[in-house]
């Protein structure tokens, strides 16, 4: 069972409290602080705007260009003149200012690239003008999606003014067991907290189940903290974190080895039993509107969500016909996600248009080295280069009105993947099984493969 519980008489510091204190330059009125920023990340849409402001209003001044990264990912390559201008603007600015640029062919989704290339370490602060920057909290960093004005200020001063969020402990006991995945846990958390239930909070994930997760799985979980309305998500580093960074040849600061106090105080505590988590599917127009795939649309479901999604109260989701499938996004596009999808697709064929998009060029090359791209293409799926792709409804898989798509992405509000498109969020395994059958399904629904003698 899962439930909000009393925190009790505690006075210790959470992990987030400790990072906040270490990165605070100055306390400000209203529970705000001036925080030092270790890493600023730009992408071509909103990042390009910030660079124009820097040049036009501040004479091109930068505090420390070595701390800035630029990435083209949302519409890469550009699909029209406007998107080409955005990418070209960022590209020229990065070259002129000697800023590290991850461009077409050597980049991918910023939240994937920044982590895999070792640009985020425990105890640091990273900001980007994209709400899913929270992904990087998996490294034990305060990872913030900020507005363009704040992003500009970070490049000018290497600091930002932030109101300290309240802290919600999301304690997950036990262990996740197959077929449940980290994506299912993320949807379960969003369902329990509610789409706006986390507003004003930092989600600090704790418990045995969290520390049993791989880094890829932690990134998936933190990625969707914002989908419960939270400021961000964070996981205290442990051996798994440090091993990942060591393999990536990242030098971790000696003073980053700390954790929450045993009597840490949290403003709210949600306890979840990992055994309660099953393969999930979203039915509505936000990730919190999710249920186990074997379940039904709630009887008291929001009417506007039902109308948009073309569903009725009590309707079964398992078996609902789909028109497209998408495996990718900053939530589920890492090598382990692609391996999981390939394991389902191996030896089978998809019945609906299916797009598989790796999160970075490094992921793409690693997947191809294992032959995963052959499995996807033999199944009839489209294997693409690394990009945000279909997730944000800007290119590479835009939905037509009333098209229904099973997607491993993170967001399903009206029009997210195309005007009138209906998005059902799920794990890569569920999306792959659904693509094969042309309806919402799990791998348990697939007929056994016949092996030729």
Protein backbone atom coordinates (compact mmCIF):
# COMPACT_ATOMS: atom_id res chain seq x y z
CA UNK A 1 0.00 0.00 0.00
CA UNK A 2 1.02 3.64 -0.39
CA UNK A 3 0.14 6.46 1.94
CA UNK A 4 1.18 9.88 3.18
CA UNK A 5 2.48 9.49 6.73
CA UNK A 6 3.48 11.82 9.55
CA UNK A 7 7.13 12.79 9.61
CA UNK A 8 7.38 12.68 13.38
CA UNK A 9 9.62 14.78 15.66
CA UNK A 10 12.66 15.01 13.42
CA UNK A 11 15.23 17.80 13.12
CA UNK A 12 17.96 16.46 10.84
CA UNK A 13 18.74 17.60 7.30
CA UNK A 14 17.59 15.93 4.11
CA UNK A 15 20.05 15.35 1.32
CA UNK A 16 18.51 18.26 -0.60
CA UNK A 17 18.92 20.54 2.46
CA UNK A 18 22.63 19.79 2.51
CA UNK A 19 23.16 20.47 -1.19
CA UNK A 20 21.14 23.67 -0.91
CA UNK A 21 23.28 24.87 2.01
CA UNK A 22 26.52 24.10 0.18
CA UNK A 23 25.48 25.95 -3.00
CA UNK A 24 23.90 28.97 -1.28
CA UNK A 25 25.84 32.18 -1.83
CA UNK A 26 23.46 34.35 0.15
CA UNK A 27 20.16 33.84 1.95
CA UNK A 28 17.44 36.21 0.72
CA UNK A 29 14.05 37.29 2.10
CA UNK A 30 11.04 35.05 1.52
CA UNK A 31 12.88 31.72 1.95
CA UNK A 32 14.84 32.44 -1.22
CA UNK A 33 18.53 32.20 -1.85
CA UNK A 34 21.17 33.13 -4.37
CA UNK A 35 22.47 29.74 -5.54
CA UNK A 36 25.76 29.09 -7.30
CA UNK A 37 25.21 27.34 -10.64
CA UNK A 38 27.73 24.71 -11.69
CA UNK A 39 26.29 24.02 -15.15
CA UNK A 40 24.10 25.95 -17.58
CA UNK A 41 22.55 24.03 -20.49
CA UNK A 42 21.07 25.66 -23.60
CA UNK A 43 18.98 24.07 -26.32
CA UNK A 44 18.10 25.60 -29.65
CA UNK A 45 14.57 26.89 -29.01
CA UNK A 46 14.76 28.83 -25.73
CA UNK A 47 18.54 28.82 -25.45
CA UNK A 48 18.89 30.79 -28.65
CA UNK A 49 16.67 33.51 -27.17
CA UNK A 50 18.92 33.77 -24.13
CA UNK A 51 22.03 34.18 -26.29
CA UNK A 52 20.40 37.02 -28.23
CA UNK A 53 19.61 38.79 -24.95
CA UNK A 54 23.20 38.33 -23.79
CA UNK A 55 24.53 39.86 -27.01
CA UNK A 56 22.00 42.66 -27.42
CA UNK A 57 21.70 43.86 -23.81
CA UNK A 58 24.91 42.80 -22.10
CA UNK A 59 27.56 43.08 -24.79
CA UNK A 60 28.05 39.33 -25.00
CA UNK A 61 29.42 39.11 -21.46
CA UNK A 62 29.68 35.62 -19.90
CA UNK A 63 30.74 34.76 -16.37
CA UNK A 64 32.40 31.43 -17.17
CA UNK A 65 31.93 29.97 -20.65
CA UNK A 66 33.46 26.65 -19.55
CA UNK A 67 30.37 25.97 -17.44
CA UNK A 68 27.97 26.40 -20.38
CA UNK A 69 26.83 23.64 -22.76
CA UNK A 70 24.75 24.02 -25.93
CA UNK A 71 22.69 21.25 -27.56
CA UNK A 72 20.43 20.97 -30.61
CA UNK A 73 17.78 18.40 -29.79
CA UNK A 74 14.14 19.48 -29.97
CA UNK A 75 13.93 19.82 -33.76
CA UNK A 76 17.11 18.20 -35.00
CA UNK A 77 17.75 18.45 -37.88
CA UNK A 78 15.64 21.56 -38.45
CA UNK A 79 12.30 20.96 -40.18
CA UNK A 80 11.57 24.48 -41.44
CA UNK A 81 13.06 27.95 -41.71
CA UNK A 82 12.13 29.01 -38.16
CA UNK A 83 13.73 25.98 -36.53
CA UNK A 84 16.78 26.33 -38.79
CA UNK A 85 17.22 29.92 -37.63
CA UNK A 86 17.04 28.86 -33.98
CA UNK A 87 19.65 26.14 -34.41
CA UNK A 88 21.90 28.33 -36.55
CA UNK A 89 21.71 31.16 -34.01
CA UNK A 90 22.80 28.88 -31.16
CA UNK A 91 25.46 27.21 -33.30
CA UNK A 92 27.07 30.51 -34.34
CA UNK A 93 26.94 31.89 -30.82
CA UNK A 94 28.56 28.79 -29.34
CA UNK A 95 31.37 28.87 -31.89
CA UNK A 96 31.96 32.59 -31.41
CA UNK A 97 32.11 32.22 -27.63
CA UNK A 98 34.03 28.94 -27.49
CA UNK A 99 31.10 27.19 -25.76
CA UNK A 100 30.94 23.38 -25.96
CA UNK A 101 28.29 22.48 -28.53
CA UNK A 102 26.67 19.08 -29.05
CA UNK A 103 25.28 19.33 -32.54
CA UNK A 104 23.71 17.07 -35.15
CA UNK A 105 25.58 13.78 -35.32
CA UNK A 106 27.38 14.18 -31.98
CA UNK A 107 24.64 15.04 -29.56
CA UNK A 108 21.13 13.99 -28.74
CA UNK A 109 18.62 15.00 -26.08
CA UNK A 110 20.23 17.46 -23.69
CA UNK A 111 19.12 15.61 -20.53
CA UNK A 112 20.71 12.42 -21.85
CA UNK A 113 23.89 13.96 -23.26
CA UNK A 114 24.74 16.08 -20.21
CA UNK A 115 24.54 13.07 -17.89
CA UNK A 116 26.33 10.51 -20.04
CA UNK A 117 29.19 12.92 -20.86
CA UNK A 118 29.88 13.54 -17.17
CA UNK A 119 28.81 17.17 -16.88
CA UNK A 120 26.74 16.68 -13.72
CA UNK A 121 28.13 15.50 -10.39
CA UNK A 122 26.61 14.97 -6.93
CA UNK A 123 26.11 18.12 -4.89
CA UNK A 124 26.05 20.45 -7.89
CA UNK A 125 23.40 22.77 -9.35
CA UNK A 126 22.43 22.60 -13.02
CA UNK A 127 19.83 24.67 -14.84
CA UNK A 128 18.30 24.61 -18.30
CA UNK A 129 15.24 26.23 -19.87
CA UNK A 130 13.46 22.86 -20.08
CA UNK A 131 11.22 21.44 -17.38
CA UNK A 132 12.68 17.95 -17.69
CA UNK A 133 16.05 19.12 -16.42
CA UNK A 134 14.84 17.40 -13.23
CA UNK A 135 16.11 14.18 -14.88
CA UNK A 136 19.62 15.03 -13.73
CA UNK A 137 18.61 14.98 -10.07
CA UNK A 138 19.35 11.26 -10.37
CA UNK A 139 23.02 12.20 -9.96
CA UNK A 140 22.39 13.88 -6.62
CA UNK A 141 22.29 17.35 -8.17
CA UNK A 142 19.76 20.15 -7.79
CA UNK A 143 18.54 20.16 -11.39
CA UNK A 144 16.21 23.01 -12.27
CA UNK A 145 14.14 23.89 -15.28
CA UNK A 146 14.11 27.68 -15.43
CA UNK A 147 12.74 30.48 -17.57
CA UNK A 148 14.75 32.23 -20.26
CA UNK A 149 15.36 35.31 -18.07
CA UNK A 150 16.77 33.18 -15.24
CA UNK A 151 18.86 31.22 -17.73
CA UNK A 152 20.31 34.47 -19.07
CA UNK A 153 21.13 35.58 -15.53
CA UNK A 154 22.90 32.29 -14.85
CA UNK A 155 25.19 32.83 -17.84
CA UNK A 156 25.92 36.40 -16.75
CA UNK A 157 26.59 35.68 -13.08
CA UNK A 158 26.79 31.90 -12.59
CA UNK A 159 24.07 32.29 -9.99
CA UNK A 160 20.27 32.26 -9.81
CA UNK A 161 17.70 33.43 -7.29
CA UNK A 162 15.49 30.53 -6.24
CA UNK A 163 12.78 30.17 -3.63
CA UNK A 164 13.59 27.12 -1.56
CA UNK A 165 10.98 24.44 -2.20
CA UNK A 166 9.46 22.33 0.51
CA UNK A 167 10.73 18.76 0.54
CA UNK A 168 8.62 15.66 0.02
CA UNK A 169 10.23 12.34 0.78
CA UNK A 170 9.03 9.64 -1.60
CA UNK A 171 10.09 6.52 0.26
CA UNK A 172 9.79 3.32 -1.77
CA UNK A 173 10.08 0.16 0.30
CA UNK A 174 10.71 -3.35 -0.97
CA UNK A 175 11.92 -3.98 -4.51
CA UNK A 176 10.39 -3.54 -7.95
CA UNK A 177 9.69 -6.90 -9.54
CA UNK A 178 9.22 -7.65 -13.23
CA UNK A 179 7.26 -6.77 -15.23
CA UNK A 180 7.12 -3.46 -13.30
CA UNK A 181 9.71 -0.89 -14.40
CA UNK A 182 11.03 2.48 -13.27
CA UNK A 183 8.62 4.10 -15.74
CA UNK A 184 5.73 2.34 -14.02
CA UNK A 185 7.00 3.60 -10.67
CA UNK A 186 7.19 7.15 -12.06
CA UNK A 187 3.58 6.96 -13.29
CA UNK A 188 2.50 5.41 -9.97
CA UNK A 189 4.10 8.27 -8.04
CA UNK A 190 2.42 10.85 -10.30
CA UNK A 191 -0.91 9.10 -9.73
CA UNK A 192 -0.50 9.04 -5.95
CA UNK A 193 0.68 12.65 -5.65
CA UNK A 194 -1.56 14.01 -8.39
CA UNK A 195 -0.69 16.14 -11.38
CA UNK A 196 -0.40 19.30 -9.26
CA UNK A 197 0.14 17.68 -5.87
CA UNK A 198 3.87 18.28 -5.92
CA UNK A 199 3.73 22.02 -6.65
CA UNK A 200 6.25 23.83 -4.48
CA UNK A 201 8.04 20.61 -3.50
CA UNK A 202 11.33 18.94 -4.24
CA UNK A 203 10.80 15.17 -4.39
CA UNK A 204 13.60 13.35 -2.57
CA UNK A 205 13.40 9.65 -3.46
CA UNK A 206 14.58 7.28 -0.74
CA UNK A 207 14.23 3.66 0.29
CA UNK A 208 15.50 0.22 -0.59
CA UNK A 209 13.76 0.16 -3.97
CA UNK A 210 15.38 3.44 -5.04
CA UNK A 211 18.92 2.38 -4.21
CA UNK A 212 18.36 -0.90 -6.06
CA UNK A 213 17.68 1.04 -9.27
CA UNK A 214 20.33 1.43 -11.96
CA UNK A 215 21.36 4.94 -13.04
CA UNK A 216 19.21 4.64 -16.15
CA UNK A 217 16.21 3.76 -14.01
CA UNK A 218 16.89 6.63 -11.61
CA UNK A 219 17.06 9.03 -14.53
CA UNK A 220 13.65 7.79 -15.71
CA UNK A 221 12.16 8.29 -12.26
CA UNK A 222 13.57 11.78 -11.67
CA UNK A 223 12.60 12.79 -15.21
CA UNK A 224 8.93 12.63 -14.25
CA UNK A 225 9.08 14.53 -10.95
CA UNK A 226 7.82 17.57 -12.79
CA UNK A 227 4.84 15.54 -14.01
CA UNK A 228 3.57 15.58 -10.42
CA UNK A 229 4.01 19.35 -10.42
CA UNK A 230 7.24 19.22 -8.41
CA UNK A 231 10.12 21.67 -8.77
CA UNK A 232 12.46 18.74 -9.35
CA UNK A 233 13.47 15.32 -8.06
CA UNK A 234 16.67 14.21 -6.39
CA UNK A 235 18.33 10.97 -5.26
CA UNK A 236 21.25 10.95 -2.84
CA UNK A 237 24.35 9.44 -4.48
CA UNK A 238 25.57 5.99 -3.52
CA UNK A 239 27.91 3.33 -4.90
CA UNK A 240 25.78 3.02 -8.06
CA UNK A 241 26.19 6.74 -8.75
CA UNK A 242 29.92 6.79 -8.14
CA UNK A 243 30.51 3.62 -10.17
CA UNK A 244 28.64 5.16 -13.12
CA UNK A 245 30.70 8.35 -12.92
CA UNK A 246 33.95 6.42 -12.55
CA UNK A 247 33.24 4.46 -15.74
CA UNK A 248 32.52 7.80 -17.45
CA UNK A 249 35.92 9.01 -16.19
CA UNK A 250 34.32 11.82 -14.20
CA UNK A 251 36.24 13.34 -11.31
CA UNK A 252 33.82 13.58 -8.39
CA UNK A 253 34.53 16.32 -5.81
CA UNK A 254 35.72 14.85 -2.51
CA UNK A 255 33.18 16.86 -0.56
CA UNK A 256 30.22 15.35 -2.43
CA UNK A 257 30.12 12.15 -0.39
CA UNK A 258 27.29 12.85 2.01
CA UNK A 259 23.69 11.74 2.54
CA UNK A 260 20.56 12.67 4.45
CA UNK A 261 20.65 12.53 8.25
CA UNK A 262 19.00 9.50 9.79
CA UNK A 263 16.47 11.83 11.44
CA UNK A 264 15.97 14.05 8.38
CA UNK A 265 12.90 16.28 8.48
CA UNK A 266 10.59 16.36 5.43
CA UNK A 267 7.59 18.60 4.93
CA UNK A 268 5.65 15.63 3.57
CA UNK A 269 6.32 11.90 3.38
CA UNK A 270 4.80 9.49 0.86
CA UNK A 271 5.53 5.81 1.50
CA UNK A 272 5.09 3.39 -1.41
CA UNK A 273 5.39 -0.38 -1.35
CA UNK A 274 7.23 -1.35 -4.54
CA UNK A 275 5.25 -4.59 -4.63
CA UNK A 276 2.14 -2.53 -5.44
CA UNK A 277 3.65 -1.18 -8.66
CA UNK A 278 2.50 -2.93 -11.85
CA UNK A 279 2.72 -2.01 -15.55
CA UNK A 280 0.91 1.32 -15.83
CA UNK A 281 -0.84 3.19 -18.63
CA UNK A 282 -2.16 6.74 -18.72
CA UNK A 283 -5.80 7.18 -19.70
CA UNK A 284 -6.16 10.96 -19.46
CA UNK A 285 -4.43 14.21 -20.29
CA UNK A 286 -1.79 14.29 -17.56
CA UNK A 287 0.54 11.57 -16.22
CA UNK A 288 -1.31 11.45 -12.91
CA UNK A 289 -4.34 10.13 -14.77
CA UNK A 290 -2.85 6.65 -14.93
CA UNK A 291 -3.89 3.17 -13.81
CA UNK A 292 -2.48 -0.36 -14.08
CA UNK A 293 -2.89 -1.48 -17.69
CA UNK A 294 -5.25 -4.22 -16.51
CA UNK A 295 -7.46 -1.57 -14.91
CA UNK A 296 -10.20 0.69 -16.15
CA UNK A 297 -10.86 4.38 -16.59
CA UNK A 298 -12.00 5.64 -13.15
CA UNK A 299 -15.73 6.06 -12.69
CA UNK A 300 -15.16 9.60 -11.40
CA UNK A 301 -12.71 10.48 -14.20
CA UNK A 302 -12.37 14.10 -15.27
CA UNK A 303 -14.94 14.76 -18.00
CA UNK A 304 -12.75 17.04 -20.08
CA UNK A 305 -9.99 14.42 -20.12
CA UNK A 306 -12.46 11.74 -21.17
CA UNK A 307 -13.86 13.88 -23.95
CA UNK A 308 -10.42 14.65 -25.33
CA UNK A 309 -9.26 11.03 -25.11
CA UNK A 310 -12.47 9.58 -26.52
CA UNK A 311 -13.02 7.32 -23.50
CA UNK A 312 -15.83 6.57 -21.06
CA UNK A 313 -15.87 5.98 -17.28
CA UNK A 314 -15.20 2.34 -16.50
CA UNK A 315 -13.84 1.57 -19.97
CA UNK A 316 -11.13 -1.06 -20.14
CA UNK A 317 -7.75 0.15 -21.38
CA UNK A 318 -6.23 -3.24 -22.02
CA UNK A 319 -6.98 -4.03 -25.66
CA UNK A 320 -7.74 -0.46 -26.72
CA UNK A 321 -6.70 -0.03 -30.38
CA UNK A 322 -3.81 2.34 -31.16
CA UNK A 323 -2.64 4.04 -34.36
CA UNK A 324 1.04 4.68 -33.59
CA UNK A 325 3.79 3.76 -31.15
CA UNK A 326 6.81 5.77 -30.02
CA UNK A 327 9.81 4.55 -28.03
CA UNK A 328 12.14 7.39 -27.07
CA UNK A 329 12.22 10.77 -25.26
CA UNK A 330 14.37 11.91 -22.34
CA UNK A 331 12.39 9.49 -20.16
CA UNK A 332 13.07 6.18 -21.90
CA UNK A 333 15.65 6.40 -24.67
CA UNK A 334 18.76 5.03 -23.01
CA UNK A 335 20.50 1.81 -23.95
CA UNK A 336 18.72 -0.27 -21.29
CA UNK A 337 15.34 1.03 -22.54
CA UNK A 338 16.20 0.06 -26.11
CA UNK A 339 17.37 -3.37 -25.01
CA UNK A 340 14.08 -3.93 -23.18
CA UNK A 341 12.02 -2.91 -26.21
CA UNK A 342 14.16 -5.01 -28.55
CA UNK A 343 13.67 -8.07 -26.35
CA UNK A 344 9.91 -7.75 -26.90
CA UNK A 345 10.16 -7.01 -30.63
CA UNK A 346 12.69 -9.72 -31.48
CA UNK A 347 11.23 -12.08 -34.09
CA UNK A 348 7.94 -10.18 -34.28
CA UNK A 349 6.35 -7.52 -36.51
CA UNK A 350 4.57 -4.31 -35.55
CA UNK A 351 1.05 -3.62 -36.77
CA UNK A 352 1.10 0.17 -36.48
CA UNK A 353 3.70 2.82 -37.45
CA UNK A 354 6.38 2.56 -34.78
CA UNK A 355 9.21 5.03 -34.20
CA UNK A 356 12.27 4.16 -32.11
CA UNK A 357 14.51 7.09 -31.24
CA UNK A 358 17.73 6.80 -29.19
CA UNK A 359 18.45 9.53 -26.67
CA UNK A 360 21.94 10.33 -27.88
CA UNK A 361 24.38 9.46 -30.61
CA UNK A 362 26.42 7.51 -28.07
CA UNK A 363 23.33 5.48 -27.24
CA UNK A 364 22.60 5.00 -30.94
CA UNK A 365 26.11 3.73 -31.67
CA UNK A 366 26.06 1.40 -28.66
CA UNK A 367 22.65 0.03 -29.69
CA UNK A 368 23.87 -0.57 -33.23
CA UNK A 369 26.99 -2.29 -31.94
CA UNK A 370 24.64 -4.77 -30.25
CA UNK A 371 22.47 -5.12 -33.35
CA UNK A 372 19.40 -3.62 -31.73
CA UNK A 373 18.72 -1.45 -34.79
CA UNK A 374 18.41 -4.62 -36.88
CA UNK A 375 15.80 -6.01 -34.48
CA UNK A 376 13.77 -2.79 -34.67
CA UNK A 377 13.94 -2.60 -38.44
CA UNK A 378 13.22 -6.30 -38.93
CA UNK A 379 10.11 -5.72 -36.81
CA UNK A 380 9.03 -2.97 -39.20
CA UNK A 381 9.85 -0.04 -36.90
CA UNK A 382 11.58 3.18 -37.95
CA UNK A 383 15.02 3.52 -36.34
CA UNK A 384 16.03 7.19 -36.19
CA UNK A 385 18.93 9.38 -35.22
CA UNK A 386 19.09 10.88 -31.71
CA UNK A 387 16.61 13.68 -31.05
CA UNK A 388 13.58 14.61 -28.94
CA UNK A 389 11.63 13.52 -32.00
CA UNK A 390 7.95 12.71 -31.72
CA UNK A 391 7.72 13.43 -27.99
CA UNK A 392 7.12 17.17 -28.24
CA UNK A 393 4.96 17.10 -31.37
CA UNK A 394 7.32 19.28 -33.38
CA UNK A 395 8.61 16.75 -35.90
CA UNK A 396 9.32 13.08 -36.61
CA UNK A 397 5.94 11.53 -35.75
CA UNK A 398 3.34 14.25 -35.23
CA UNK A 399 -0.15 12.83 -34.58
CA UNK A 400 -3.28 13.68 -36.53
CA UNK A 401 -6.46 14.55 -34.62
CA UNK A 402 -7.86 11.53 -32.72
CA UNK A 403 -4.85 9.35 -33.54
CA UNK A 404 -4.07 7.22 -30.51
CA UNK A 405 -0.40 6.66 -29.66
CA UNK A 406 1.30 4.43 -27.09
CA UNK A 407 4.39 6.38 -26.05
CA UNK A 408 7.31 5.91 -23.68
CA UNK A 409 7.54 9.70 -23.29
CA UNK A 410 6.54 11.77 -20.27
CA UNK A 411 3.78 14.18 -21.23
CA UNK A 412 0.29 13.69 -22.61
CA UNK A 413 -1.55 17.00 -22.37
CA UNK A 414 -3.90 17.91 -25.24
CA UNK A 415 -1.92 18.54 -28.40
CA UNK A 416 1.41 17.40 -26.95
CA UNK A 417 2.30 15.14 -29.87
CA UNK A 418 0.04 16.85 -32.38
CA UNK A 419 -3.24 18.76 -32.38
CA UNK A 420 -6.00 16.42 -31.23
CA UNK A 421 -3.58 13.50 -30.78
CA UNK A 422 -4.31 11.06 -27.93
CA UNK A 423 -1.23 9.88 -26.00
CA UNK A 424 -1.04 6.89 -23.64
CA UNK A 425 2.14 6.89 -21.56
CA UNK A 426 3.78 3.57 -20.71
CA UNK A 427 7.10 1.75 -20.42
CA UNK A 428 9.12 0.80 -23.51
CA UNK A 429 8.12 -2.84 -22.98
CA UNK A 430 4.41 -2.02 -22.96
CA UNK A 431 4.78 0.26 -25.98
CA UNK A 432 6.63 -2.47 -27.90
CA UNK A 433 3.99 -5.09 -27.08
CA UNK A 434 1.23 -2.65 -28.02
CA UNK A 435 2.91 -1.93 -31.34
CA UNK A 436 3.02 -5.65 -32.16
CA UNK A 437 -0.65 -6.22 -31.38
CA UNK A 438 -1.97 -2.84 -32.49
CA UNK A 439 -3.66 -2.38 -29.14
CA UNK A 440 -2.64 -1.56 -25.57
CA UNK A 441 -1.00 -4.71 -24.26
CA UNK A 442 1.88 -6.18 -22.29
CA UNK A 443 4.45 -8.75 -23.36
CA UNK A 444 2.38 -11.39 -21.50
CA UNK A 445 -0.29 -10.94 -24.20
CA UNK A 446 2.07 -11.91 -27.01
CA UNK A 447 1.80 -15.39 -28.47
CA UNK A 448 4.85 -17.58 -28.07
CA UNK A 449 7.26 -17.49 -30.98
CA UNK A 450 7.44 -20.59 -33.14
CA UNK A 451 10.99 -21.76 -33.60
CA UNK A 452 11.63 -23.43 -36.95
CA UNK A 453 13.09 -26.93 -36.64
